[in-house]
C-alpha atoms as a PDB file:
ATOM      1  CA  MET A   1       0.000   0.000   0.000  1.00  0.00           C
ATOM      2  CA  ARG A   2       1.371   3.408  -1.003  1.00  0.00           C
ATOM      3  CA  SER A   3       2.071   5.898   1.775  1.00  0.00           C
ATOM      4  CA  GLY A   4       0.508   9.339   1.486  1.00  0.00           C
ATOM      5  CA  ILE A   5       2.560  12.458   2.211  1.00  0.00           C
ATOM      6  CA  LEU A   6       1.166  15.948   2.697  1.00  0.00           C
ATOM      7  CA  VAL A   7       3.553  18.811   1.834  1.00  0.00           C
ATOM      8  CA  ILE A   8       2.611  22.159   3.419  1.00  0.00           C
ATOM      9  CA  ASP A   9       4.827  24.929   2.027  1.00  0.00           C
ATOM     10  CA  ASP A  10       4.165  28.315   0.396  1.00  0.00           C
ATOM     11  CA  ASP A  11       7.295  28.097  -1.776  1.00  0.00           C
ATOM     12  CA  GLU A  12       6.057  26.793  -5.134  1.00  0.00           C
ATOM     13  CA  LYS A  13       9.542  25.755  -6.275  1.00  0.00           C
ATOM     14  CA  ILE A  14      10.073  23.574  -3.236  1.00  0.00           C
ATOM     15  CA  THR A  15       6.531  22.189  -3.392  1.00  0.00           C
ATOM     16  CA  SER A  16       6.972  21.285  -7.060  1.00  0.00           C
ATOM     17  CA  MET A  17      10.356  19.667  -6.418  1.00  0.00           C
ATOM     18  CA  LEU A  18       9.021  17.620  -3.525  1.00  0.00           C
ATOM     19  CA  ARG A  19       5.927  16.572  -5.450  1.00  0.00           C
ATOM     20  CA  ARG A  20       8.031  15.197  -8.293  1.00  0.00           C
ATOM     21  CA  GLY A  21      10.686  13.618  -6.092  1.00  0.00           C
ATOM     22  CA  LEU A  22       8.259  11.937  -3.696  1.00  0.00           C
ATOM     23  CA  ALA A  23       5.964  10.723  -6.487  1.00  0.00           C
ATOM     24  CA  PHE A  24       8.983   9.214  -8.262  1.00  0.00           C
ATOM     25  CA  GLU A  25       9.726   7.247  -5.070  1.00  0.00           C
ATOM     26  CA  GLY A  26       6.192   5.830  -5.107  1.00  0.00           C
ATOM     27  CA  TYR A  27       4.394   8.041  -2.590  1.00  0.00           C
ATOM     28  CA  ASP A  28       0.970   9.616  -3.012  1.00  0.00           C
ATOM     29  CA  VAL A  29       1.616  13.348  -2.633  1.00  0.00           C
ATOM     30  CA  TYR A  30      -0.788  16.090  -1.529  1.00  0.00           C
ATOM     31  CA  THR A  31       0.155  19.765  -1.312  1.00  0.00           C
ATOM     32  CA  ALA A  32      -1.081  22.855   0.501  1.00  0.00           C
ATOM     33  CA  ASN A  33       0.206  26.427   0.143  1.00  0.00           C
ATOM     34  CA  ASP A  34      -0.415  27.693   3.679  1.00  0.00           C
ATOM     35  CA  GLY A  35      -1.117  26.489   7.193  1.00  0.00           C
ATOM     36  CA  MET A  36      -4.890  26.863   7.091  1.00  0.00           C
ATOM     37  CA  GLU A  37      -5.160  24.931   3.843  1.00  0.00           C
ATOM     38  CA  GLY A  38      -2.826  22.301   5.250  1.00  0.00           C
ATOM     39  CA  LEU A  39      -4.969  21.713   8.333  1.00  0.00           C
ATOM     40  CA  SER A  40      -8.053  21.426   6.152  1.00  0.00           C
ATOM     41  CA  MET A  41      -6.372  18.989   3.770  1.00  0.00           C
ATOM     42  CA  MET A  42      -5.103  16.957   6.706  1.00  0.00           C
ATOM     43  CA  MET A  43      -8.705  16.025   7.491  1.00  0.00           C
ATOM     44  CA  THR A  44      -9.503  14.826   3.970  1.00  0.00           C
ATOM     45  CA  ALA A  45      -6.184  13.330   2.811  1.00  0.00           C
ATOM     46  CA  ASP A  46      -5.368  11.474   6.067  1.00  0.00           C
ATOM     47  CA  PRO A  47      -1.633  11.357   5.195  1.00  0.00           C
ATOM     48  CA  ASP A  48       0.918   8.985   6.707  1.00  0.00           C
ATOM     49  CA  LEU A  49       3.453  11.812   7.058  1.00  0.00           C
ATOM     50  CA  ILE A  50       3.530  15.621   6.845  1.00  0.00           C
ATOM     51  CA  ILE A  51       6.380  17.758   5.499  1.00  0.00           C
ATOM     52  CA  LEU A  52       5.790  21.158   7.069  1.00  0.00           C
ATOM     53  CA  ASP A  53       7.468  24.499   6.373  1.00  0.00           C
ATOM     54  CA  VAL A  54       7.931  26.878   9.299  1.00  0.00           C
ATOM     55  CA  MET A  55       7.589  30.298   7.653  1.00  0.00           C
ATOM     56  CA  MET A  56       4.156  30.525   6.005  1.00  0.00           C
ATOM     57  CA  PRO A  57       1.298  33.035   5.770  1.00  0.00           C
ATOM     58  CA  LYS A  58      -1.900  32.763   7.878  1.00  0.00           C
ATOM     59  CA  LEU A  59      -0.520  30.040  10.170  1.00  0.00           C
ATOM     60  CA  ASP A  60       3.162  29.252  10.568  1.00  0.00           C
ATOM     61  CA  GLY A  61       4.451  25.701  10.884  1.00  0.00           C
ATOM     62  CA  PHE A  62       4.812  25.899  14.666  1.00  0.00           C
ATOM     63  CA  GLU A  63       1.121  26.711  15.082  1.00  0.00           C
ATOM     64  CA  VAL A  64       0.039  24.064  12.572  1.00  0.00           C
ATOM     65  CA  CYS A  65       2.022  21.402  14.417  1.00  0.00           C
ATOM     66  CA  ARG A  66       0.722  22.556  17.799  1.00  0.00           C
ATOM     67  CA  ARG A  67      -2.894  22.329  16.609  1.00  0.00           C
ATOM     68  CA  LEU A  68      -2.314  18.876  15.146  1.00  0.00           C
ATOM     69  CA  ARG A  69      -0.954  17.542  18.424  1.00  0.00           C
ATOM     70  CA  GLU A  70      -3.621  19.227  20.525  1.00  0.00           C
ATOM     71  CA  GLY A  71      -6.192  17.582  18.263  1.00  0.00           C
ATOM     72  CA  GLY A  72      -4.715  14.173  19.045  1.00  0.00           C
ATOM     73  CA  SER A  73      -2.957  13.542  15.728  1.00  0.00           C
ATOM     74  CA  THR A  74       0.162  11.381  15.959  1.00  0.00           C
ATOM     75  CA  VAL A  75       1.095  11.604  12.258  1.00  0.00           C
ATOM     76  CA  PRO A  76       4.880  12.046  11.871  1.00  0.00           C
ATOM     77  CA  VAL A  77       5.911  15.633  11.057  1.00  0.00           C
ATOM     78  CA  LEU A  78       9.138  16.577   9.285  1.00  0.00           C
ATOM     79  CA  MET A  79       9.619  20.329   9.723  1.00  0.00           C
ATOM     80  CA  LEU A  80      11.477  22.460   7.175  1.00  0.00           C
ATOM     81  CA  THR A  81      13.184  25.621   8.381  1.00  0.00           C
ATOM     82  CA  ALA A  82      15.488  28.223   6.871  1.00  0.00           C
ATOM     83  CA  LYS A  83      16.759  29.126  10.325  1.00  0.00           C
ATOM     84  CA  ASP A  84      19.657  26.975  11.463  1.00  0.00           C
ATOM     85  CA  GLU A  85      19.411  28.151  15.065  1.00  0.00           C
ATOM     86  CA  VAL A  86      19.044  25.922  18.113  1.00  0.00           C
ATOM     87  CA  GLU A  87      16.092  27.854  19.581  1.00  0.00           C
ATOM     88  CA  ASN A  88      14.070  27.471  16.384  1.00  0.00           C
ATOM     89  CA  ARG A  89      14.832  23.773  16.158  1.00  0.00           C
ATOM     90  CA  VAL A  90      13.889  23.305  19.803  1.00  0.00           C
ATOM     91  CA  LYS A  91      10.643  25.235  19.298  1.00  0.00           C
ATOM     92  CA  GLY A  92       9.708  23.025  16.364  1.00  0.00           C
ATOM     93  CA  LEU A  93      10.463  19.826  18.250  1.00  0.00           C
ATOM     94  CA  ASP A  94       8.684  21.107  21.354  1.00  0.00           C
ATOM     95  CA  THR A  95       5.463  21.786  19.428  1.00  0.00           C
ATOM     96  CA  GLY A  96       5.414  18.127  18.416  1.00  0.00           C
ATOM     97  CA  ALA A  97       7.531  17.813  15.262  1.00  0.00           C
ATOM     98  CA  ASP A  98       9.370  14.500  14.947  1.00  0.00           C
ATOM     99  CA  ASP A  99      12.317  15.736  12.908  1.00  0.00           C
ATOM    100  CA  TYR A 100      13.596  18.874  11.201  1.00  0.00           C
ATOM    101  CA  LEU A 101      15.589  19.690   8.093  1.00  0.00           C
ATOM    102  CA  VAL A 102      17.320  23.006   7.409  1.00  0.00           C
ATOM    103  CA  LYS A 103      16.952  24.663   3.990  1.00  0.00           C
ATOM    104  CA  PRO A 104      18.601  24.347   1.562  1.00  0.00           C
ATOM    105  CA  PHE A 105      18.616  20.559   1.692  1.00  0.00           C
ATOM    106  CA  ALA A 106      19.429  17.659  -0.615  1.00  0.00           C
ATOM    107  CA  LEU A 107      16.425  15.690  -1.827  1.00  0.00           C
ATOM    108  CA  GLU A 108      18.261  12.457  -1.006  1.00  0.00           C
ATOM    109  CA  GLU A 109      18.556  13.457   2.654  1.00  0.00           C
ATOM    110  CA  LEU A 110      14.881  14.403   2.851  1.00  0.00           C
ATOM    111  CA  LEU A 111      13.909  11.052   1.324  1.00  0.00           C
ATOM    112  CA  ALA A 112      16.082   9.235   3.874  1.00  0.00           C
ATOM    113  CA  ARG A 113      14.351  11.042   6.714  1.00  0.00           C
ATOM    114  CA  VAL A 114      10.924  10.324   5.235  1.00  0.00           C
ATOM    115  CA  ARG A 115      11.733   6.610   5.030  1.00  0.00           C
ATOM    116  CA  ALA A 116      13.032   6.600   8.613  1.00  0.00           C
ATOM    117  CA  LEU A 117       9.931   8.342   9.987  1.00  0.00           C
ATOM    118  CA  LEU A 118       7.607   5.972   8.134  1.00  0.00           C
ATOM    119  CA  ARG A 119       9.543   2.955   9.435  1.00  0.00           C
ATOM    120  CA  ARG A 120       9.225   4.241  12.974  1.00  0.00           C
ATOM    121  CA  LYS A 121       5.494   4.780  12.465  1.00  0.00           C
ATOM    122  CA  GLU A 122       5.043   1.219  11.197  1.00  0.00           C
ATOM    123  CA  SER A 123       7.080  -0.368  13.983  1.00  0.00           C
ATOM    124  CA  SER A 124       5.358   1.599  16.766  1.00  0.00           C
ATOM    125  CA  GLY A 125       1.966   0.585  15.408  1.00  0.00           C
ATOM    126  CA  GLY A 126       2.698  -3.053  16.176  1.00  0.00           C
ATOM    127  CA  GLU A 127       3.662  -2.559  19.825  1.00  0.00           C
ATOM    128  CA  ALA A 128       2.429  -5.368  22.045  1.00  0.00           C
ATOM    129  CA  GLY A 129      -0.157  -4.251  24.560  1.00  0.00           C
ATOM    130  CA  ASN A 130      -0.719  -4.413  28.305  1.00  0.00           C
ATOM    131  CA  HIS A 131       2.781  -3.823  29.589  1.00  0.00           C
ATOM    132  CA  ARG A 132       4.798  -1.091  31.178  1.00  0.00           C
ATOM    133  CA  LEU A 133       8.434  -0.212  31.672  1.00  0.00           C
ATOM    134  CA  ILE A 134       9.567   0.999  35.090  1.00  0.00           C
ATOM    135  CA  PHE A 135      12.872   2.533  36.157  1.00  0.00           C
ATOM    136  CA  GLU A 136      13.108   4.017  39.649  1.00  0.00           C
ATOM    137  CA  ASP A 137      10.172   6.501  39.843  1.00  0.00           C
ATOM    138  CA  VAL A 138       9.548   6.606  36.064  1.00  0.00           C
ATOM    139  CA  ILE A 139       6.643   4.558  34.667  1.00  0.00           C
ATOM    140  CA  MET A 140       6.133   4.230  30.904  1.00  0.00           C
ATOM    141  CA  ASP A 141       2.823   2.777  29.691  1.00  0.00           C
ATOM    142  CA  LEU A 142       3.320   1.406  26.175  1.00  0.00           C
ATOM    143  CA  ASP A 143      -0.416   1.154  25.446  1.00  0.00           C
ATOM    144  CA  SER A 144      -1.482   4.678  26.386  1.00  0.00           C
ATOM    145  CA  ARG A 145       1.998   6.136  25.633  1.00  0.00           C
ATOM    146  CA  GLU A 146       1.772   7.883  28.994  1.00  0.00           C
ATOM    147  CA  VAL A 147       4.867   8.571  31.079  1.00  0.00           C
ATOM    148  CA  LEU A 148       4.768   9.361  34.796  1.00  0.00           C
ATOM    149  CA  ARG A 149       7.582  10.419  37.067  1.00  0.00           C
ATOM    150  CA  ALA A 150       6.847  10.411  40.785  1.00  0.00           C
ATOM    151  CA  GLY A 151       3.162  10.444  39.834  1.00  0.00           C
ATOM    152  CA  GLN A 152       3.508  13.513  37.605  1.00  0.00           C
ATOM    153  CA  ARG A 153       2.532  13.108  33.946  1.00  0.00           C
ATOM    154  CA  LEU A 154       5.232  14.118  31.467  1.00  0.00           C
ATOM    155  CA  GLU A 155       4.147  15.750  28.193  1.00  0.00           C
ATOM    156  CA  LEU A 156       6.512  14.170  25.680  1.00  0.00           C
ATOM    157  CA  THR A 157       6.604  14.517  21.917  1.00  0.00           C
ATOM    158  CA  ALA A 158       6.549  11.327  19.838  1.00  0.00           C
ATOM    159  CA  LYS A 159      10.305  11.400  19.313  1.00  0.00           C
ATOM    160  CA  GLU A 160      11.017  12.138  22.994  1.00  0.00           C
ATOM    161  CA  PHE A 161       8.862   9.130  23.904  1.00  0.00           C
ATOM    162  CA  GLU A 162      10.827   6.913  21.506  1.00  0.00           C
ATOM    163  CA  LEU A 163      14.131   8.140  22.908  1.00  0.00           C
ATOM    164  CA  LEU A 164      13.072   7.551  26.516  1.00  0.00           C
ATOM    165  CA  HIS A 165      11.650   4.176  25.468  1.00  0.00           C
ATOM    166  CA  LEU A 166      15.080   3.162  24.163  1.00  0.00           C
ATOM    167  CA  PHE A 167      16.714   4.132  27.462  1.00  0.00           C
ATOM    168  CA  MET A 168      14.010   2.364  29.500  1.00  0.00           C
ATOM    169  CA  GLN A 169      14.555  -0.809  27.466  1.00  0.00           C
ATOM    170  CA  ASN A 170      18.281  -0.644  28.251  1.00  0.00           C
ATOM    171  CA  PRO A 171      18.683   0.582  31.848  1.00  0.00           C
ATOM    172  CA  LYS A 172      22.251   0.934  33.143  1.00  0.00           C
ATOM    173  CA  ARG A 173      23.602   0.121  29.682  1.00  0.00           C
ATOM    174  CA  LEU A 174      25.841   2.526  27.784  1.00  0.00           C
ATOM    175  CA  LEU A 175      24.207   3.563  24.508  1.00  0.00           C
ATOM    176  CA  THR A 176      26.566   5.056  21.966  1.00  0.00           C
ATOM    177  CA  ARG A 177      25.556   8.045  19.883  1.00  0.00           C
ATOM    178  CA  ASP A 178      25.667   5.967  16.702  1.00  0.00           C
ATOM    179  CA  LEU A 179      23.416   3.295  18.215  1.00  0.00           C
ATOM    180  CA  ILE A 180      20.853   5.860  19.362  1.00  0.00           C
ATOM    181  CA  MET A 181      20.838   7.622  15.999  1.00  0.00           C
ATOM    182  CA  ASP A 182      20.337   4.312  14.203  1.00  0.00           C
ATOM    183  CA  LYS A 183      17.552   3.103  16.505  1.00  0.00           C
ATOM    184  CA  ILE A 184      15.609   6.382  16.710  1.00  0.00           C
ATOM    185  CA  TRP A 185      16.261   8.044  13.358  1.00  0.00           C
ATOM    186  CA  GLY A 186      17.254   5.039  11.288  1.00  0.00           C
ATOM    187  CA  TYR A 187      20.045   6.777   9.373  1.00  0.00           C
ATOM    188  CA  ASP A 188      23.182   8.816   9.979  1.00  0.00           C
ATOM    189  CA  TYR A 189      23.139  12.567  10.446  1.00  0.00           C
ATOM    190  CA  SER A 190      26.090  14.661   9.306  1.00  0.00           C
ATOM    191  CA  GLY A 191      28.863  15.222  11.811  1.00  0.00           C
ATOM    192  CA  GLU A 192      27.784  18.814  12.479  1.00  0.00           C
ATOM    193  CA  SER A 193      24.229  17.894  13.504  1.00  0.00           C
ATOM    194  CA  ASN A 194      23.388  18.164  17.196  1.00  0.00           C
ATOM    195  CA  VAL A 195      19.819  16.888  16.989  1.00  0.00           C
ATOM    196  CA  LEU A 196      20.508  14.143  19.544  1.00  0.00           C
ATOM    197  CA  GLU A 197      21.982  16.618  22.002  1.00  0.00           C
ATOM    198  CA  VAL A 198      18.919  18.851  21.560  1.00  0.00           C
ATOM    199  CA  TYR A 199      16.590  15.941  22.299  1.00  0.00           C
ATOM    200  CA  ILE A 200      18.616  14.782  25.309  1.00  0.00           C
ATOM    201  CA  ALA A 201      18.479  18.310  26.749  1.00  0.00           C
ATOM    202  CA  MET A 202      14.710  18.525  26.192  1.00  0.00           C
ATOM    203  CA  LEU A 203      14.113  15.087  27.712  1.00  0.00           C
ATOM    204  CA  ARG A 204      16.223  15.946  30.731  1.00  0.00           C
ATOM    205  CA  GLN A 205      14.333  19.191  31.219  1.00  0.00           C
ATOM    206  CA  LYS A 206      10.981  17.401  31.219  1.00  0.00           C
ATOM    207  CA  THR A 207      12.017  14.448  33.385  1.00  0.00           C
ATOM    208  CA  GLU A 208      13.644  16.774  35.935  1.00  0.00           C
ATOM    209  CA  GLU A 209      10.905  19.424  35.824  1.00  0.00           C
ATOM    210  CA  HIS A 210       9.439  18.585  39.244  1.00  0.00           C
ATOM    211  CA  GLY A 211      12.745  18.274  41.058  1.00  0.00           C
ATOM    212  CA  GLY A 212      13.664  14.745  40.071  1.00  0.00           C
ATOM    213  CA  LYS A 213      17.326  13.773  40.023  1.00  0.00           C
ATOM    214  CA  ARG A 214      19.078  13.329  36.690  1.00  0.00           C
ATOM    215  CA  LEU A 215      18.634   9.847  35.227  1.00  0.00           C
ATOM    216  CA  ILE A 216      20.101  10.261  31.726  1.00  0.00           C
ATOM    217  CA  GLN A 217      23.845  10.551  32.269  1.00  0.00           C
ATOM    218  CA  THR A 218      26.470  11.639  29.732  1.00  0.00           C
ATOM    219  CA  ILE A 219      29.517   9.416  29.421  1.00  0.00           C
ATOM    220  CA  ARG A 220      31.933  11.825  27.806  1.00  0.00           C
ATOM    221  CA  GLY A 221      33.284  10.597  24.503  1.00  0.00           C
ATOM    222  CA  ALA A 222      31.191   7.404  24.670  1.00  0.00           C
ATOM    223  CA  GLY A 223      27.454   8.125  24.776  1.00  0.00           C
ATOM    224  CA  TYR A 224      24.609   8.126  27.289  1.00  0.00           C
ATOM    225  CA  ILE A 225      23.314   5.821  30.031  1.00  0.00           C
ATOM    226  CA  LEU A 226      20.131   5.597  32.108  1.00  0.00           C
ATOM    227  CA  ARG A 227      21.101   5.175  35.726  1.00  0.00           C
ATOM    228  CA  GLY A 228      20.190   6.616  39.092  1.00  0.00           C
ATOM    229  CA  ASP A 229      23.390   8.334  40.179  1.00  0.00           C
ATOM    230  CA  SER A 230      23.368  12.144  40.032  1.00  0.00           C
END
């Protein structure tokens, strides 16, 4: 069955390029020229993935993504931005985007990210039910995708949940950067990318929000580990 992808971008050159490139790879492609049109088309097209530009008229990409998540949609979102600044990337991820790509970008890299996001969507859909993961005072329910720490509910994005899930599956085990990137994103980022560090910082902020001790430890030059020492 062909996957459907909705491209929401007001740049006609980029929209046209993505339409051709994605269709050539075998995807059904839908396009919208602004945020309002994108939200409307989301209801009718029911896409498997959204490619979403940040800077658009009427509604920007941040607001579109926020409304999608508030409405309960879990469709993967790949956000496009012309601003290669940490705060903008963090804002996009924090509103619920699963990944981001800075313009200008190579079509091959975008296609790799699309494939990775769709693989993650397919694998998460087959999760076995009725079980939880527990580490110290953190409880992860794999059915409801709810995470509690010391009884407090944590509001995690889809990608933050996947990252914490990986740590919870491997407590007290060193996870290298390459292993995490392969398991969560499914492909290699360039050496300059700090997307993993951004996600680790966001996950730490949320898990430590109510005064909890640090659980995700950095092992300098090696990777990260979930353990209880501070």
